[in-house]
Amino acid sequence: MPIRREHRFFYPIDWPQLSAVIRFRRAGGRCEGCGRPHGHRVVHLGDGRWWDAATGVWRDGRGKVLRSLPITEEIAAVRMTKVVLATAHRDTSDNTASNLAAFCQRRHLLHDRPEHQRRR
């Protein structure tokens, strides 16, 4: 997603390279919040729970294996989403690797929710 003009000062000139290092080298191409794999289509229930096809288990919104399986009605309403990782700032004034996180679109929106609500 392109960076908005009013937010460009938060990002260094080498942001694309830095972002790629965080997303693919450090995070291994998986969301650091929930474990969803970049570029894959993931079946999910809309509330954070998703099917991890690589391991054959349902996971919660934090990537932990579910202890109880979703009920039939929930599974009947599954959705499919293509996962796209993006690099998020924990603190916008700091571009060090320890302050950056590789998040899928769901986790990134949850992370940025307070700022989005503040802007409304």
Protein backbone atom coordinates (compact mmCIF):
# COMPACT_ATOMS: atom_id res chain seq x y z
CA MET A 1 0.00 0.00 0.00
CA PRO A 2 1.45 3.39 -0.88
CA ILE A 3 2.50 5.66 1.95
CA ARG A 4 0.31 8.74 2.30
CA ARG A 5 2.08 12.01 1.63
CA GLU A 6 1.37 13.35 5.14
CA HIS A 7 3.00 10.24 6.68
CA ARG A 8 6.13 10.06 4.52
CA PHE A 9 8.34 11.67 7.17
CA PHE A 10 7.84 8.55 9.35
CA TYR A 11 9.66 6.40 6.77
CA PRO A 12 13.35 6.40 5.82
CA ILE A 13 14.37 6.47 2.17
CA ASP A 14 15.32 2.77 2.31
CA TRP A 15 11.90 1.75 3.71
CA PRO A 16 11.14 -0.85 0.99
CA GLN A 17 14.39 -2.70 1.72
CA LEU A 18 14.01 -2.38 5.50
CA SER A 19 10.41 -3.60 5.30
CA ALA A 20 11.44 -6.62 3.21
CA VAL A 21 14.11 -7.59 5.77
CA ILE A 22 11.58 -7.41 8.61
CA ARG A 23 8.83 -9.32 6.75
CA PHE A 24 10.84 -12.05 5.06
CA ARG A 25 14.19 -12.48 6.77
CA ARG A 26 13.25 -11.87 10.40
CA ALA A 27 9.58 -12.99 10.35
CA GLY A 28 10.13 -15.75 7.78
CA GLY A 29 7.17 -14.58 5.69
CA ARG A 30 4.65 -15.00 8.52
CA CYS A 31 2.68 -12.46 10.52
CA GLU A 32 4.43 -11.86 13.84
CA GLY A 33 1.05 -11.38 15.50
CA CYS A 34 -0.86 -14.47 14.36
CA GLY A 35 1.42 -16.55 12.14
CA ARG A 36 -0.56 -16.24 8.89
CA PRO A 37 1.70 -16.93 5.86
CA HIS A 38 2.34 -14.13 3.34
CA GLY A 39 0.91 -14.66 -0.13
CA HIS A 40 -1.29 -17.61 0.85
CA ARG A 41 -5.06 -17.77 0.78
CA VAL A 42 -6.22 -18.46 4.32
CA VAL A 43 -9.61 -19.80 5.41
CA HIS A 44 -10.85 -17.87 8.45
CA LEU A 45 -13.98 -17.29 10.51
CA GLY A 46 -13.86 -13.47 10.52
CA ASP A 47 -13.08 -13.21 14.23
CA GLY A 48 -9.36 -14.01 14.07
CA ARG A 49 -9.61 -17.81 14.01
CA TRP A 50 -8.03 -19.33 10.92
CA TRP A 51 -7.12 -22.68 9.41
CA ASP A 52 -3.36 -23.32 9.24
CA ALA A 53 -3.14 -25.65 6.24
CA ALA A 54 0.61 -26.20 6.76
CA THR A 55 0.05 -27.87 10.14
CA GLY A 56 -3.59 -28.95 9.78
CA VAL A 57 -4.91 -27.06 12.82
CA TRP A 58 -7.23 -24.15 13.62
CA ARG A 59 -5.49 -21.18 15.23
CA ASP A 60 -6.77 -18.18 17.15
CA GLY A 61 -6.06 -14.53 16.36
CA ARG A 62 -2.71 -14.75 18.16
CA GLY A 63 -1.58 -17.86 16.29
CA LYS A 64 -2.14 -20.30 19.14
CA VAL A 65 -3.68 -23.70 18.38
CA LEU A 66 -7.39 -23.82 19.30
CA ARG A 67 -8.30 -26.29 22.03
CA SER A 68 -11.86 -26.68 20.75
CA LEU A 69 -12.85 -26.82 17.11
CA PRO A 70 -15.29 -24.31 15.62
CA ILE A 71 -18.89 -25.52 15.51
CA THR A 72 -20.52 -26.57 12.24
CA GLU A 73 -22.45 -23.30 11.83
CA GLU A 74 -19.22 -21.30 12.14
CA ILE A 75 -17.39 -23.47 9.63
CA ALA A 76 -20.28 -23.08 7.17
CA ALA A 77 -19.62 -19.31 7.18
CA VAL A 78 -15.86 -19.42 6.51
CA ARG A 79 -14.22 -16.75 4.41
CA MET A 80 -11.05 -16.82 2.39
CA THR A 81 -8.48 -14.02 2.39
CA LYS A 82 -5.14 -13.62 0.66
CA VAL A 83 -2.58 -12.70 3.30
CA VAL A 84 -0.36 -9.69 2.60
CA LEU A 85 2.31 -8.79 5.12
CA ALA A 86 3.22 -5.19 5.82
CA THR A 87 5.71 -3.72 8.25
CA ALA A 88 4.21 -1.75 11.14
CA HIS A 89 5.78 0.73 13.55
CA ARG A 90 5.20 0.10 17.23
CA ASP A 91 6.28 3.75 17.71
CA THR A 92 6.23 5.93 14.58
CA SER A 93 9.26 7.96 15.66
CA ASP A 94 11.57 4.92 15.68
CA ASN A 95 12.64 2.94 12.59
CA THR A 96 14.94 0.48 14.36
CA ALA A 97 14.26 -3.21 13.69
CA SER A 98 13.21 -3.84 17.31
CA ASN A 99 10.43 -1.25 16.90
CA LEU A 100 9.06 -2.76 13.66
CA ALA A 101 6.75 -5.75 13.22
CA ALA A 102 5.62 -7.83 10.25
CA PHE A 103 1.82 -7.93 10.40
CA CYS A 104 -0.92 -9.33 8.15
CA GLN A 105 -3.70 -6.94 7.19
CA ARG A 106 -5.94 -8.00 10.12
CA ARG A 107 -3.24 -7.64 12.75
CA HIS A 108 -2.04 -4.34 11.25
CA LEU A 109 -5.56 -2.87 11.40
CA LEU A 110 -5.95 -4.00 15.01
CA HIS A 111 -2.56 -2.51 15.87
CA ASP A 112 -3.45 0.83 14.22
CA ARG A 113 -7.04 0.96 15.54
CA PRO A 114 -6.40 3.57 18.28
CA GLU A 115 -4.78 5.92 15.74
CA HIS A 116 -7.57 5.37 13.20
CA GLN A 117 -10.20 6.13 15.85
CA ARG A 118 -8.31 9.23 16.96
CA ARG A 119 -8.34 10.59 13.40
CA ARG A 120 -12.12 10.25 13.00
